Amino acid sequence: MNAEADMQQQEPCGLVPLGEHLSAPTTRAAMLVQQEALSAAREYLRGQGFVELLPPLVGPVTDPGGRGAKALDVDYYGHPYKLMTSAILYKQASLRGFDRLFYVAPNVRVEPPETATTGRHLVEFHQIDVEIAGADRAGAMAVAAGLLQHVVRRVWQEVPEVLRGLGRDEVTFAELLAGGFEVCTHAEAVARLHDSGHAQSGDAEIDWVGEELLSHKADRPFFVTDYPKGSRGFYDREDPQRPGTLRNFDLIAHGGYGELVSGSEREVDYRTIVTRMRESGENPAKYDWYLRVAREGIPASAGFGMGVQRLVRYLTGLDALWQVSAYPKLPGVVAP
């Protein structure tokens, strides 16, 4: 790799002028991989009967978020709107007309400045957002696993020379393509981390250091299920047989790359949704349009979001998400 590419890997984005970043060989390579990954994702999902919709960019409310991320406010003709941090509420509403749908959705999340150094956070990013009416968690997990396998296979077919130029080897993905992803519960993952000396809370999401530790020990992606209630949004369905446990999942990439996918079965009962909002500290009045749709009836569903930049970083093996974004914006760093 030439000196410019080496500099591009080492310098933190925000100190690298945008022109230099766009002209760097690593940026071009990442964009070629991203192009093929998105093409493959659309190919797979359309082949499974999904319809692609274009997501909204602003709305009266958005996903309340987590891990300290906040939404940006927009003055929408005198009304306080939000830039989308996630289009999940719109995915659920769209099930009224489309029983299998997906977005390639832009998201804006004002992450805490301290996350700028994780290599895993951007203020602007995209997700492949999928929702399936009538599906349970197992069905959504199967689609997520199939999607990832199809993308990896197609990218290696279409641009193998680009991946090899970045130092990637097909052997790294051999176990992934063989399938059979392990499933462990959140409690089991916490126990593994405690055994490794990492002080992971049993009541919270797996933290970023914990995800990386678990990821390094795997030879293929794996699922973590059954997060505790309170660790995720009000829309994740609580298991009726195990109160306090959510019917949700994450798909963690191997090799230290951490979470690629987050998903769940959805709460659809109007009264339960309102109760969950209040339990999580949300004001139901803010969600008026969504609750009106829920009162009329939202189909039961399960779905997930797969981070595009995280997927491309995983495919390319680059060090940080800013390297796989053409116009990166790191938390706390003002950039064009």
C-alpha atoms as a PDB file:
ATOM      1  CA  MET A   1       0.000   0.000   0.000  1.00  0.00           C
ATOM      2  CA  ASN A   2       1.431   3.426  -0.888  1.00  0.00           C
ATOM      3  CA  ALA A   3       2.378   6.210   1.547  1.00  0.00           C
ATOM      4  CA  GLU A   4      -0.846   8.134   0.996  1.00  0.00           C
ATOM      5  CA  ALA A   5      -2.889   5.067   1.883  1.00  0.00           C
ATOM      6  CA  ASP A   6      -0.739   4.472   4.965  1.00  0.00           C
ATOM      7  CA  MET A   7      -1.314   8.057   6.086  1.00  0.00           C
ATOM      8  CA  GLN A   8      -5.013   7.655   5.475  1.00  0.00           C
ATOM      9  CA  GLN A   9      -5.164   4.656   7.809  1.00  0.00           C
ATOM     10  CA  GLN A  10      -3.262   6.384  10.611  1.00  0.00           C
ATOM     11  CA  GLU A  11      -4.584   9.964  10.661  1.00  0.00           C
ATOM     12  CA  PRO A  12      -7.864  10.479  12.510  1.00  0.00           C
ATOM     13  CA  CYS A  13     -10.570  11.722  10.184  1.00  0.00           C
ATOM     14  CA  GLY A  14     -11.368  15.382  10.745  1.00  0.00           C
ATOM     15  CA  LEU A  15      -7.640  16.147  10.484  1.00  0.00           C
ATOM     16  CA  VAL A  16      -7.498  14.793   6.932  1.00  0.00           C
ATOM     17  CA  PRO A  17      -8.867  17.289   4.355  1.00  0.00           C
ATOM     18  CA  LEU A  18     -11.894  15.943   2.506  1.00  0.00           C
ATOM     19  CA  GLY A  19     -10.144  16.155  -0.876  1.00  0.00           C
ATOM     20  CA  GLU A  20      -7.294  13.965   0.343  1.00  0.00           C
ATOM     21  CA  HIS A  21      -9.714  11.491   1.862  1.00  0.00           C
ATOM     22  CA  LEU A  22     -11.757  11.201  -1.358  1.00  0.00           C
ATOM     23  CA  SER A  23      -8.641  10.688  -3.496  1.00  0.00           C
ATOM     24  CA  ALA A  24      -7.056   8.075  -1.218  1.00  0.00           C
ATOM     25  CA  PRO A  25      -6.783   4.540  -2.673  1.00  0.00           C
ATOM     26  CA  THR A  26      -8.379   3.038   0.442  1.00  0.00           C
ATOM     27  CA  THR A  27     -11.451   5.259   0.042  1.00  0.00           C
ATOM     28  CA  ARG A  28     -11.884   4.235  -3.587  1.00  0.00           C
ATOM     29  CA  ALA A  29     -11.474   0.561  -2.677  1.00  0.00           C
ATOM     30  CA  ALA A  30     -14.050   0.855   0.108  1.00  0.00           C
ATOM     31  CA  MET A  31     -16.557   2.548  -2.206  1.00  0.00           C
ATOM     32  CA  LEU A  32     -16.147  -0.219  -4.808  1.00  0.00           C
ATOM     33  CA  VAL A  33     -16.842  -2.808  -2.110  1.00  0.00           C
ATOM     34  CA  GLN A  34     -19.806  -0.784  -0.815  1.00  0.00           C
ATOM     35  CA  GLN A  35     -21.288  -0.592  -4.309  1.00  0.00           C
ATOM     36  CA  GLU A  36     -21.153  -4.358  -4.730  1.00  0.00           C
ATOM     37  CA  ALA A  37     -22.442  -4.980  -1.192  1.00  0.00           C
ATOM     38  CA  LEU A  38     -25.515  -2.804  -1.755  1.00  0.00           C
ATOM     39  CA  SER A  39     -26.164  -4.386  -5.150  1.00  0.00           C
ATOM     40  CA  ALA A  40     -25.950  -7.849  -3.585  1.00  0.00           C
ATOM     41  CA  ALA A  41     -28.198  -6.863  -0.674  1.00  0.00           C
ATOM     42  CA  ARG A  42     -30.887  -5.597  -3.038  1.00  0.00           C
ATOM     43  CA  GLU A  43     -30.530  -8.727  -5.169  1.00  0.00           C
ATOM     44  CA  TYR A  44     -31.005 -10.996  -2.165  1.00  0.00           C
ATOM     45  CA  LEU A  45     -33.910  -9.138  -0.591  1.00  0.00           C
ATOM     46  CA  ARG A  46     -35.831  -8.658  -3.839  1.00  0.00           C
ATOM     47  CA  GLY A  47     -35.295 -12.342  -4.554  1.00  0.00           C
ATOM     48  CA  GLN A  48     -36.928 -13.076  -1.191  1.00  0.00           C
ATOM     49  CA  GLY A  49     -40.014 -11.043  -2.135  1.00  0.00           C
ATOM     50  CA  PHE A  50     -39.135  -7.782  -0.383  1.00  0.00           C
ATOM     51  CA  VAL A  51     -40.148  -4.378  -1.770  1.00  0.00           C
ATOM     52  CA  GLU A  52     -37.747  -1.451  -1.425  1.00  0.00           C
ATOM     53  CA  LEU A  53     -39.249   1.797  -0.150  1.00  0.00           C
ATOM     54  CA  LEU A  54     -37.564   5.174   0.250  1.00  0.00           C
ATOM     55  CA  PRO A  55     -37.481   6.131   3.935  1.00  0.00           C
ATOM     56  CA  PRO A  56     -38.422   9.514   5.405  1.00  0.00           C
ATOM     57  CA  LEU A  57     -35.610  11.879   6.386  1.00  0.00           C
ATOM     58  CA  VAL A  58     -37.498  13.977   8.967  1.00  0.00           C
ATOM     59  CA  GLY A  59     -40.502  13.359  11.185  1.00  0.00           C
ATOM     60  CA  PRO A  60     -42.249  14.571  14.335  1.00  0.00           C
ATOM     61  CA  VAL A  61     -40.483  11.848  16.293  1.00  0.00           C
ATOM     62  CA  THR A  62     -37.823   9.208  15.715  1.00  0.00           C
ATOM     63  CA  ASP A  63     -36.301   6.215  17.486  1.00  0.00           C
ATOM     64  CA  PRO A  64     -35.451   7.384  21.020  1.00  0.00           C
ATOM     65  CA  GLY A  65     -31.993   5.902  20.529  1.00  0.00           C
ATOM     66  CA  GLY A  66     -29.593   4.448  23.040  1.00  0.00           C
ATOM     67  CA  ARG A  67     -26.068   4.555  24.454  1.00  0.00           C
ATOM     68  CA  GLY A  68     -26.185   8.352  24.742  1.00  0.00           C
ATOM     69  CA  ALA A  69     -26.982   9.172  21.087  1.00  0.00           C
ATOM     70  CA  LYS A  70     -29.360  12.092  20.452  1.00  0.00           C
ATOM     71  CA  ALA A  71     -31.452  13.314  17.520  1.00  0.00           C
ATOM     72  CA  LEU A  72     -30.996  16.618  15.702  1.00  0.00           C
ATOM     73  CA  ASP A  73     -33.909  19.065  15.757  1.00  0.00           C
ATOM     74  CA  VAL A  74     -35.360  20.563  12.563  1.00  0.00           C
ATOM     75  CA  ASP A  75     -37.757  23.502  12.230  1.00  0.00           C
ATOM     76  CA  TYR A  76     -40.384  22.054   9.891  1.00  0.00           C
ATOM     77  CA  TYR A  77     -42.700  24.950   9.012  1.00  0.00           C
ATOM     78  CA  GLY A  78     -42.829  25.989  12.641  1.00  0.00           C
ATOM     79  CA  HIS A  79     -43.117  22.445  13.986  1.00  0.00           C
ATOM     80  CA  PRO A  80     -40.277  20.785  15.945  1.00  0.00           C
ATOM     81  CA  TYR A  81     -39.289  17.758  13.840  1.00  0.00           C
ATOM     82  CA  LYS A  82     -36.346  15.365  14.088  1.00  0.00           C
ATOM     83  CA  LEU A  83     -33.818  14.014  11.628  1.00  0.00           C
ATOM     84  CA  MET A  84     -34.220  10.249  11.522  1.00  0.00           C
ATOM     85  CA  THR A  85     -31.971   8.335  13.892  1.00  0.00           C
ATOM     86  CA  SER A  86     -33.800   5.194  12.704  1.00  0.00           C
ATOM     87  CA  ALA A  87     -36.816   4.611  10.472  1.00  0.00           C
ATOM     88  CA  ILE A  88     -38.106   1.693  12.563  1.00  0.00           C
ATOM     89  CA  LEU A  89     -41.448   3.314  13.422  1.00  0.00           C
ATOM     90  CA  TYR A  90     -42.094   3.959   9.729  1.00  0.00           C
ATOM     91  CA  LYS A  91     -41.174   0.380   8.881  1.00  0.00           C
ATOM     92  CA  GLN A  92     -43.859  -0.865  11.228  1.00  0.00           C
ATOM     93  CA  ALA A  93     -46.447   1.568   9.859  1.00  0.00           C
ATOM     94  CA  SER A  94     -45.559   0.544   6.289  1.00  0.00           C
ATOM     95  CA  LEU A  95     -46.574  -3.040   7.013  1.00  0.00           C
ATOM     96  CA  ARG A  96     -50.156  -1.857   6.494  1.00  0.00           C
ATOM     97  CA  GLY A  97     -49.387  -1.847   2.762  1.00  0.00           C
ATOM     98  CA  PHE A  98     -46.259  -3.985   2.325  1.00  0.00           C
ATOM     99  CA  ASP A  99     -45.730  -7.226   4.222  1.00  0.00           C
ATOM    100  CA  ARG A 100     -42.036  -7.584   3.298  1.00  0.00           C
ATOM    101  CA  LEU A 101     -40.147  -4.334   2.914  1.00  0.00           C
ATOM    102  CA  PHE A 102     -36.703  -2.809   3.204  1.00  0.00           C
ATOM    103  CA  TYR A 103     -34.961   0.556   3.112  1.00  0.00           C
ATOM    104  CA  VAL A 104     -31.383   1.625   2.574  1.00  0.00           C
ATOM    105  CA  ALA A 105     -31.908   4.319   5.157  1.00  0.00           C
ATOM    106  CA  PRO A 106     -29.737   7.325   6.072  1.00  0.00           C
ATOM    107  CA  ASN A 107     -29.514   7.969   9.807  1.00  0.00           C
ATOM    108  CA  VAL A 108     -28.167  10.888  11.828  1.00  0.00           C
ATOM    109  CA  ARG A 109     -27.239  10.304  15.468  1.00  0.00           C
ATOM    110  CA  VAL A 110     -25.372  12.829  17.586  1.00  0.00           C
ATOM    111  CA  GLU A 111     -23.127  10.365  19.366  1.00  0.00           C
ATOM    112  CA  PRO A 112     -21.144  11.374  22.475  1.00  0.00           C
ATOM    113  CA  PRO A 113     -17.762  12.899  21.494  1.00  0.00           C
ATOM    114  CA  GLU A 114     -15.902  10.151  23.361  1.00  0.00           C
ATOM    115  CA  THR A 115     -17.120   7.614  20.771  1.00  0.00           C
ATOM    116  CA  ALA A 116     -14.991   9.310  18.091  1.00  0.00           C
ATOM    117  CA  THR A 117     -12.087   7.028  18.982  1.00  0.00           C
ATOM    118  CA  THR A 118     -13.923   3.681  18.923  1.00  0.00           C
ATOM    119  CA  GLY A 119     -13.574   3.264  15.148  1.00  0.00           C
ATOM    120  CA  ARG A 120     -17.220   2.129  15.145  1.00  0.00           C
ATOM    121  CA  HIS A 121     -19.265   5.338  15.276  1.00  0.00           C
ATOM    122  CA  LEU A 122     -20.264   8.034  12.817  1.00  0.00           C
ATOM    123  CA  VAL A 123     -22.828  10.826  13.124  1.00  0.00           C
ATOM    124  CA  GLU A 124     -24.135  10.046   9.620  1.00  0.00           C
ATOM    125  CA  PHE A 125     -24.486   6.432   8.530  1.00  0.00           C
ATOM    126  CA  HIS A 126     -26.802   4.112   6.611  1.00  0.00           C
ATOM    127  CA  GLN A 127     -28.690   0.941   7.474  1.00  0.00           C
ATOM    128  CA  ILE A 128     -30.237  -1.828   5.420  1.00  0.00           C
ATOM    129  CA  ASP A 129     -33.565  -1.810   7.300  1.00  0.00           C
ATOM    130  CA  VAL A 130     -35.744  -4.917   6.919  1.00  0.00           C
ATOM    131  CA  GLU A 131     -39.245  -5.665   8.255  1.00  0.00           C
ATOM    132  CA  ILE A 132     -41.294  -8.852   7.824  1.00  0.00           C
ATOM    133  CA  ALA A 133     -44.993  -9.098   8.661  1.00  0.00           C
ATOM    134  CA  GLY A 134     -45.954 -12.319  10.453  1.00  0.00           C
ATOM    135  CA  ALA A 135     -42.344 -13.242  11.191  1.00  0.00           C
ATOM    136  CA  ASP A 136     -40.898 -14.260  14.527  1.00  0.00           C
ATOM    137  CA  ARG A 137     -37.369 -13.715  15.776  1.00  0.00           C
ATOM    138  CA  ALA A 138     -36.076 -16.936  14.221  1.00  0.00           C
ATOM    139  CA  GLY A 139     -37.410 -15.871  10.822  1.00  0.00           C
ATOM    140  CA  ALA A 140     -35.746 -12.464  11.020  1.00  0.00           C
ATOM    141  CA  MET A 141     -32.462 -14.027  12.136  1.00  0.00           C
ATOM    142  CA  ALA A 142     -32.574 -16.429   9.172  1.00  0.00           C
ATOM    143  CA  VAL A 143     -33.034 -13.526   6.744  1.00  0.00           C
ATOM    144  CA  ALA A 144     -30.191 -11.572   8.372  1.00  0.00           C
ATOM    145  CA  ALA A 145     -27.830 -14.552   8.170  1.00  0.00           C
ATOM    146  CA  GLY A 146     -28.811 -15.285   4.564  1.00  0.00           C
ATOM    147  CA  LEU A 147     -28.358 -11.635   3.616  1.00  0.00           C
ATOM    148  CA  LEU A 148     -24.871 -11.472   5.112  1.00  0.00           C
ATOM    149  CA  GLN A 149     -23.783 -14.725   3.457  1.00  0.00           C
ATOM    150  CA  HIS A 150     -25.115 -13.601   0.071  1.00  0.00           C
ATOM    151  CA  VAL A 151     -23.362 -10.223   0.287  1.00  0.00           C
ATOM    152  CA  VAL A 152     -20.029 -11.775   1.279  1.00  0.00           C
ATOM    153  CA  ARG A 153     -20.246 -14.358  -1.484  1.00  0.00           C
ATOM    154  CA  ARG A 154     -21.166 -11.807  -4.200  1.00  0.00           C
ATOM    155  CA  VAL A 155     -18.526  -9.262  -3.179  1.00  0.00           C
ATOM    156  CA  TRP A 156     -15.831 -11.942  -3.374  1.00  0.00           C
ATOM    157  CA  GLN A 157     -17.141 -12.944  -6.798  1.00  0.00           C
ATOM    158  CA  GLU A 158     -17.289  -9.388  -8.164  1.00  0.00           C
ATOM    159  CA  VAL A 159     -14.282  -7.545  -6.696  1.00  0.00           C
ATOM    160  CA  PRO A 160     -11.850 -10.133  -5.279  1.00  0.00           C
ATOM    161  CA  GLU A 161      -8.841  -8.112  -6.429  1.00  0.00           C
ATOM    162  CA  VAL A 162     -10.020  -5.101  -4.434  1.00  0.00           C
ATOM    163  CA  LEU A 163     -10.399  -7.163  -1.256  1.00  0.00           C
ATOM    164  CA  ARG A 164      -7.029  -8.840  -1.733  1.00  0.00           C
ATOM    165  CA  GLY A 165      -5.454  -5.422  -2.340  1.00  0.00           C
ATOM    166  CA  LEU A 166      -6.710  -4.445   1.114  1.00  0.00           C
ATOM    167  CA  GLY A 167      -5.091  -7.516   2.629  1.00  0.00           C
ATOM    168  CA  ARG A 168      -8.261  -9.601   2.962  1.00  0.00           C
ATOM    169  CA  ASP A 169      -8.228 -13.366   2.440  1.00  0.00           C
ATOM    170  CA  GLU A 170     -11.165 -15.564   1.435  1.00  0.00           C
ATOM    171  CA  VAL A 171     -10.200 -17.966   4.217  1.00  0.00           C
ATOM    172  CA  THR A 172     -11.333 -15.324   6.728  1.00  0.00           C
ATOM    173  CA  PHE A 173     -14.917 -15.792   5.514  1.00  0.00           C
ATOM    174  CA  ALA A 174     -14.884 -19.572   4.933  1.00  0.00           C
ATOM    175  CA  GLU A 175     -16.660 -20.428   8.195  1.00  0.00           C
ATOM    176  CA  LEU A 176     -19.225 -17.675   7.607  1.00  0.00           C
ATOM    177  CA  LEU A 177     -20.120 -19.086   4.192  1.00  0.00           C
ATOM    178  CA  ALA A 178     -20.378 -22.582   5.667  1.00  0.00           C
ATOM    179  CA  GLY A 179     -23.243 -21.279   7.851  1.00  0.00           C
ATOM    180  CA  GLY A 180     -24.393 -22.595  11.187  1.00  0.00           C
ATOM    181  CA  PHE A 181     -24.070 -19.372  13.181  1.00  0.00           C
ATOM    182  CA  GLU A 182     -23.942 -19.944  16.931  1.00  0.00           C
ATOM    183  CA  VAL A 183     -26.708 -18.488  19.116  1.00  0.00           C
ATOM    184  CA  CYS A 184     -26.004 -17.484  22.701  1.00  0.00           C
ATOM    185  CA  THR A 185     -28.160 -15.562  25.138  1.00  0.00           C
ATOM    186  CA  HIS A 186     -27.258 -12.207  26.610  1.00  0.00           C
ATOM    187  CA  ALA A 187     -26.782 -13.917  30.001  1.00  0.00           C
ATOM    188  CA  GLU A 188     -24.380 -16.438  28.456  1.00  0.00           C
ATOM    189  CA  ALA A 189     -22.442 -13.658  26.742  1.00  0.00           C
ATOM    190  CA  VAL A 190     -22.182 -11.750  30.029  1.00  0.00           C
ATOM    191  CA  ALA A 191     -20.898 -14.885  31.769  1.00  0.00           C
ATOM    192  CA  ARG A 192     -18.233 -15.381  29.085  1.00  0.00           C
ATOM    193  CA  LEU A 193     -17.090 -11.799  29.530  1.00  0.00           C
ATOM    194  CA  HIS A 194     -16.924 -12.158  33.301  1.00  0.00           C
ATOM    195  CA  ASP A 195     -14.810 -15.288  32.818  1.00  0.00           C
ATOM    196  CA  SER A 196     -12.502 -13.176  30.642  1.00  0.00           C
ATOM    197  CA  GLY A 197     -12.187 -10.527  33.333  1.00  0.00           C
ATOM    198  CA  HIS A 198     -14.455  -7.954  31.665  1.00  0.00           C
ATOM    199  CA  ALA A 199     -16.975  -6.296  34.013  1.00  0.00           C
ATOM    200  CA  GLN A 200     -20.069  -6.375  31.783  1.00  0.00           C
ATOM    201  CA  SER A 201     -23.395  -5.394  33.372  1.00  0.00           C
ATOM    202  CA  GLY A 202     -26.072  -8.068  33.208  1.00  0.00           C
ATOM    203  CA  ASP A 203     -28.780  -5.407  32.872  1.00  0.00           C
ATOM    204  CA  ALA A 204     -27.383  -3.469  29.906  1.00  0.00           C
ATOM    205  CA  GLU A 205     -26.426  -3.942  26.282  1.00  0.00           C
ATOM    206  CA  ILE A 206     -23.061  -5.573  25.706  1.00  0.00           C
ATOM    207  CA  ASP A 207     -20.634  -2.655  25.729  1.00  0.00           C
ATOM    208  CA  TRP A 208     -18.263  -1.963  22.849  1.00  0.00           C
ATOM    209  CA  VAL A 209     -15.218  -3.467  24.547  1.00  0.00           C
ATOM    210  CA  GLY A 210     -17.230  -6.577  25.393  1.00  0.00           C
ATOM    211  CA  GLU A 211     -18.480  -6.932  21.821  1.00  0.00           C
ATOM    212  CA  GLU A 212     -14.923  -6.727  20.536  1.00  0.00           C
ATOM    213  CA  LEU A 213     -13.696  -9.326  23.040  1.00  0.00           C
ATOM    214  CA  LEU A 214     -16.448 -11.788  22.085  1.00  0.00           C
ATOM    215  CA  SER A 215     -15.919 -11.025  18.400  1.00  0.00           C
ATOM    216  CA  HIS A 216     -12.193 -11.826  18.538  1.00  0.00           C
ATOM    217  CA  LYS A 217     -12.916 -15.264  20.024  1.00  0.00           C
ATOM    218  CA  ALA A 218     -15.263 -16.335  17.193  1.00  0.00           C
ATOM    219  CA  ASP A 219     -14.430 -17.877  13.810  1.00  0.00           C
ATOM    220  CA  ARG A 220     -17.709 -16.790  12.215  1.00  0.00           C
ATOM    221  CA  PRO A 221     -20.533 -14.361  13.047  1.00  0.00           C
ATOM    222  CA  PHE A 222     -22.833 -15.325  15.913  1.00  0.00           C
ATOM    223  CA  PHE A 223     -26.125 -14.187  17.423  1.00  0.00           C
ATOM    224  CA  VAL A 224     -26.726 -12.798  20.899  1.00  0.00           C
ATOM    225  CA  THR A 225     -30.388 -13.012  21.960  1.00  0.00           C
ATOM    226  CA  ASP A 226     -32.644 -12.233  24.921  1.00  0.00           C
ATOM    227  CA  TYR A 227     -31.449  -8.813  26.017  1.00  0.00           C
ATOM    228  CA  PRO A 228     -32.926  -7.614  29.305  1.00  0.00           C
ATOM    229  CA  LYS A 229     -35.941  -5.328  29.245  1.00  0.00           C
ATOM    230  CA  GLY A 230     -34.815  -1.743  29.683  1.00  0.00           C
ATOM    231  CA  SER A 231     -31.674  -2.191  27.615  1.00  0.00           C
ATOM    232  CA  ARG A 232     -33.481  -1.611  24.302  1.00  0.00           C
ATOM    233  CA  GLY A 233     -36.331   0.441  22.837  1.00  0.00           C
ATOM    234  CA  PHE A 234     -40.022   0.169  23.671  1.00  0.00           C
ATOM    235  CA  TYR A 235     -40.699  -1.489  20.305  1.00  0.00           C
ATOM    236  CA  ASP A 236     -38.746  -4.687  21.141  1.00  0.00           C
ATOM    237  CA  ARG A 237     -41.290  -7.295  22.191  1.00  0.00           C
ATOM    238  CA  GLU A 238     -41.104  -8.671  25.702  1.00  0.00           C
ATOM    239  CA  ASP A 239     -41.242 -12.450  25.905  1.00  0.00           C
ATOM    240  CA  PRO A 240     -44.680 -13.276  27.371  1.00  0.00           C
ATOM    241  CA  GLN A 241     -43.288 -16.498  28.859  1.00  0.00           C
ATOM    242  CA  ARG A 242     -40.270 -14.777  30.448  1.00  0.00           C
ATOM    243  CA  PRO A 243     -41.126 -11.305  31.740  1.00  0.00           C
ATOM    244  CA  GLY A 244     -38.130  -8.993  31.707  1.00  0.00           C
ATOM    245  CA  THR A 245     -36.579 -10.668  28.661  1.00  0.00           C
ATOM    246  CA  LEU A 246     -36.861  -9.278  25.133  1.00  0.00           C
ATOM    247  CA  ARG A 247     -37.442 -11.258  21.933  1.00  0.00           C
ATOM    248  CA  ASN A 248     -34.539  -9.571  20.193  1.00  0.00           C
ATOM    249  CA  PHE A 249     -31.062 -10.266  18.819  1.00  0.00           C
ATOM    250  CA  ASP A 250     -27.758  -8.876  17.619  1.00  0.00           C
ATOM    251  CA  LEU A 251     -25.543 -10.425  14.952  1.00  0.00           C
ATOM    252  CA  ILE A 252     -21.899 -10.007  15.949  1.00  0.00           C
ATOM    253  CA  ALA A 253     -19.171 -10.273  13.325  1.00  0.00           C
ATOM    254  CA  HIS A 254     -16.041 -12.261  14.041  1.00  0.00           C
ATOM    255  CA  GLY A 255     -12.532 -10.843  13.906  1.00  0.00           C
ATOM    256  CA  GLY A 256     -13.121  -8.003  16.362  1.00  0.00           C
ATOM    257  CA  TYR A 257     -15.621  -6.080  14.216  1.00  0.00           C
ATOM    258  CA  GLY A 258     -18.536  -6.283  16.641  1.00  0.00           C
ATOM    259  CA  GLU A 259     -22.221  -5.748  15.964  1.00  0.00           C
ATOM    260  CA  LEU A 260     -23.404  -5.776  12.338  1.00  0.00           C
ATOM    261  CA  VAL A 261     -27.134  -6.296  12.876  1.00  0.00           C
ATOM    262  CA  SER A 262     -29.677  -5.484  15.568  1.00  0.00           C
ATOM    263  CA  GLY A 263     -33.275  -6.724  15.420  1.00  0.00           C
ATOM    264  CA  SER A 264     -36.291  -8.055  17.259  1.00  0.00           C
ATOM    265  CA  GLU A 265     -39.882  -9.103  17.247  1.00  0.00           C
ATOM    266  CA  ARG A 266     -42.019  -5.955  17.641  1.00  0.00           C
ATOM    267  CA  GLU A 267     -44.535  -4.879  20.223  1.00  0.00           C
ATOM    268  CA  VAL A 268     -47.836  -4.252  18.392  1.00  0.00           C
ATOM    269  CA  ASP A 269     -50.452  -4.050  21.145  1.00  0.00           C
ATOM    270  CA  TYR A 270     -51.434  -0.405  21.643  1.00  0.00           C
ATOM    271  CA  ARG A 271     -51.717  -0.517  25.438  1.00  0.00           C
ATOM    272  CA  THR A 272     -48.460  -2.436  25.798  1.00  0.00           C
ATOM    273  CA  ILE A 273     -46.630   0.054  23.604  1.00  0.00           C
ATOM    274  CA  VAL A 274     -47.889   2.990  25.704  1.00  0.00           C
ATOM    275  CA  THR A 275     -46.878   1.206  28.901  1.00  0.00           C
ATOM    276  CA  ARG A 276     -43.413   0.423  27.529  1.00  0.00           C
ATOM    277  CA  MET A 277     -42.959   4.048  26.451  1.00  0.00           C
ATOM    278  CA  ARG A 278     -43.742   5.260  29.941  1.00  0.00           C
ATOM    279  CA  GLU A 279     -41.489   2.647  31.530  1.00  0.00           C
ATOM    280  CA  SER A 280     -38.596   3.837  29.364  1.00  0.00           C
ATOM    281  CA  GLY A 281     -39.193   7.490  30.216  1.00  0.00           C
ATOM    282  CA  GLU A 282     -40.739   8.437  26.880  1.00  0.00           C
ATOM    283  CA  ASN A 283     -43.742  10.763  26.615  1.00  0.00           C
ATOM    284  CA  PRO A 284     -46.440   8.947  24.572  1.00  0.00           C
ATOM    285  CA  ALA A 285     -47.861  12.304  23.423  1.00  0.00           C
ATOM    286  CA  LYS A 286     -44.747  12.799  21.257  1.00  0.00           C
ATOM    287  CA  TYR A 287     -45.632   9.638  19.328  1.00  0.00           C
ATOM    288  CA  ASP A 288     -49.183  10.661  18.431  1.00  0.00           C
ATOM    289  CA  TRP A 289     -49.073   9.635  14.755  1.00  0.00           C
ATOM    290  CA  TYR A 290     -47.442   6.288  15.542  1.00  0.00           C
ATOM    291  CA  LEU A 291     -49.869   5.490  18.353  1.00  0.00           C
ATOM    292  CA  ARG A 292     -52.827   6.293  16.097  1.00  0.00           C
ATOM    293  CA  VAL A 293     -51.500   3.722  13.619  1.00  0.00           C
ATOM    294  CA  ALA A 294     -50.958   1.246  16.455  1.00  0.00           C
ATOM    295  CA  ARG A 295     -54.512   1.789  17.713  1.00  0.00           C
ATOM    296  CA  GLU A 296     -55.844   1.022  14.232  1.00  0.00           C
ATOM    297  CA  GLY A 297     -53.702  -2.113  14.148  1.00  0.00           C
ATOM    298  CA  ILE A 298     -50.105  -2.830  13.162  1.00  0.00           C
ATOM    299  CA  PRO A 299     -49.382  -6.353  11.872  1.00  0.00           C
ATOM    300  CA  ALA A 300     -47.182  -8.494  14.093  1.00  0.00           C
ATOM    301  CA  SER A 301     -43.665  -8.494  12.674  1.00  0.00           C
ATOM    302  CA  ALA A 302     -39.958  -8.935  13.205  1.00  0.00           C
ATOM    303  CA  GLY A 303     -37.133  -7.052  11.561  1.00  0.00           C
ATOM    304  CA  PHE A 304     -33.612  -5.730  11.800  1.00  0.00           C
ATOM    305  CA  GLY A 305     -31.143  -3.103  10.693  1.00  0.00           C
ATOM    306  CA  MET A 306     -27.745  -3.955   9.198  1.00  0.00           C
ATOM    307  CA  GLY A 307     -25.216  -1.113   9.306  1.00  0.00           C
ATOM    308  CA  VAL A 308     -23.870  -0.429   5.816  1.00  0.00           C
ATOM    309  CA  GLN A 309     -20.619   1.170   6.937  1.00  0.00           C
ATOM    310  CA  ARG A 310     -20.051  -1.529   9.552  1.00  0.00           C
ATOM    311  CA  LEU A 311     -20.657  -4.173   6.882  1.00  0.00           C
ATOM    312  CA  VAL A 312     -18.174  -2.528   4.504  1.00  0.00           C
ATOM    313  CA  ARG A 313     -15.573  -2.161   7.245  1.00  0.00           C
ATOM    314  CA  TYR A 314     -15.993  -5.868   8.029  1.00  0.00           C
ATOM    315  CA  LEU A 315     -15.575  -6.810   4.371  1.00  0.00           C
ATOM    316  CA  THR A 316     -12.546  -4.583   3.781  1.00  0.00           C
ATOM    317  CA  GLY A 317     -10.807  -5.084   7.124  1.00  0.00           C
ATOM    318  CA  LEU A 318     -10.142  -1.357   7.515  1.00  0.00           C
ATOM    319  CA  ASP A 319      -9.535   0.098  10.944  1.00  0.00           C
ATOM    320  CA  ALA A 320     -12.400   2.572  11.342  1.00  0.00           C
ATOM    321  CA  LEU A 321     -15.796   3.506   9.919  1.00  0.00           C
ATOM    322  CA  TRP A 322     -14.599   6.901   8.727  1.00  0.00           C
ATOM    323  CA  GLN A 323     -12.383   5.068   6.225  1.00  0.00           C
ATOM    324  CA  VAL A 324     -15.429   3.440   4.600  1.00  0.00           C
ATOM    325  CA  SER A 325     -17.516   6.622   4.326  1.00  0.00           C
ATOM    326  CA  ALA A 326     -17.012   9.071   1.452  1.00  0.00           C
ATOM    327  CA  TYR A 327     -18.081  12.026   3.619  1.00  0.00           C
ATOM    328  CA  PRO A 328     -17.372  10.960   7.199  1.00  0.00           C
ATOM    329  CA  LYS A 329     -18.590  12.883  10.220  1.00  0.00           C
ATOM    330  CA  LEU A 330     -17.076  11.709  13.486  1.00  0.00           C
ATOM    331  CA  PRO A 331     -18.756  12.436  16.836  1.00  0.00           C
ATOM    332  CA  GLY A 332     -17.642  15.809  18.152  1.00  0.00           C
ATOM    333  CA  VAL A 333     -15.655  16.677  14.997  1.00  0.00           C
ATOM    334  CA  VAL A 334     -17.026  19.446  12.757  1.00  0.00           C
ATOM    335  CA  ALA A 335     -16.605  18.320   9.133  1.00  0.00           C
ATOM    336  CA  PRO A 336     -18.036  19.321   5.723  1.00  0.00           C
END
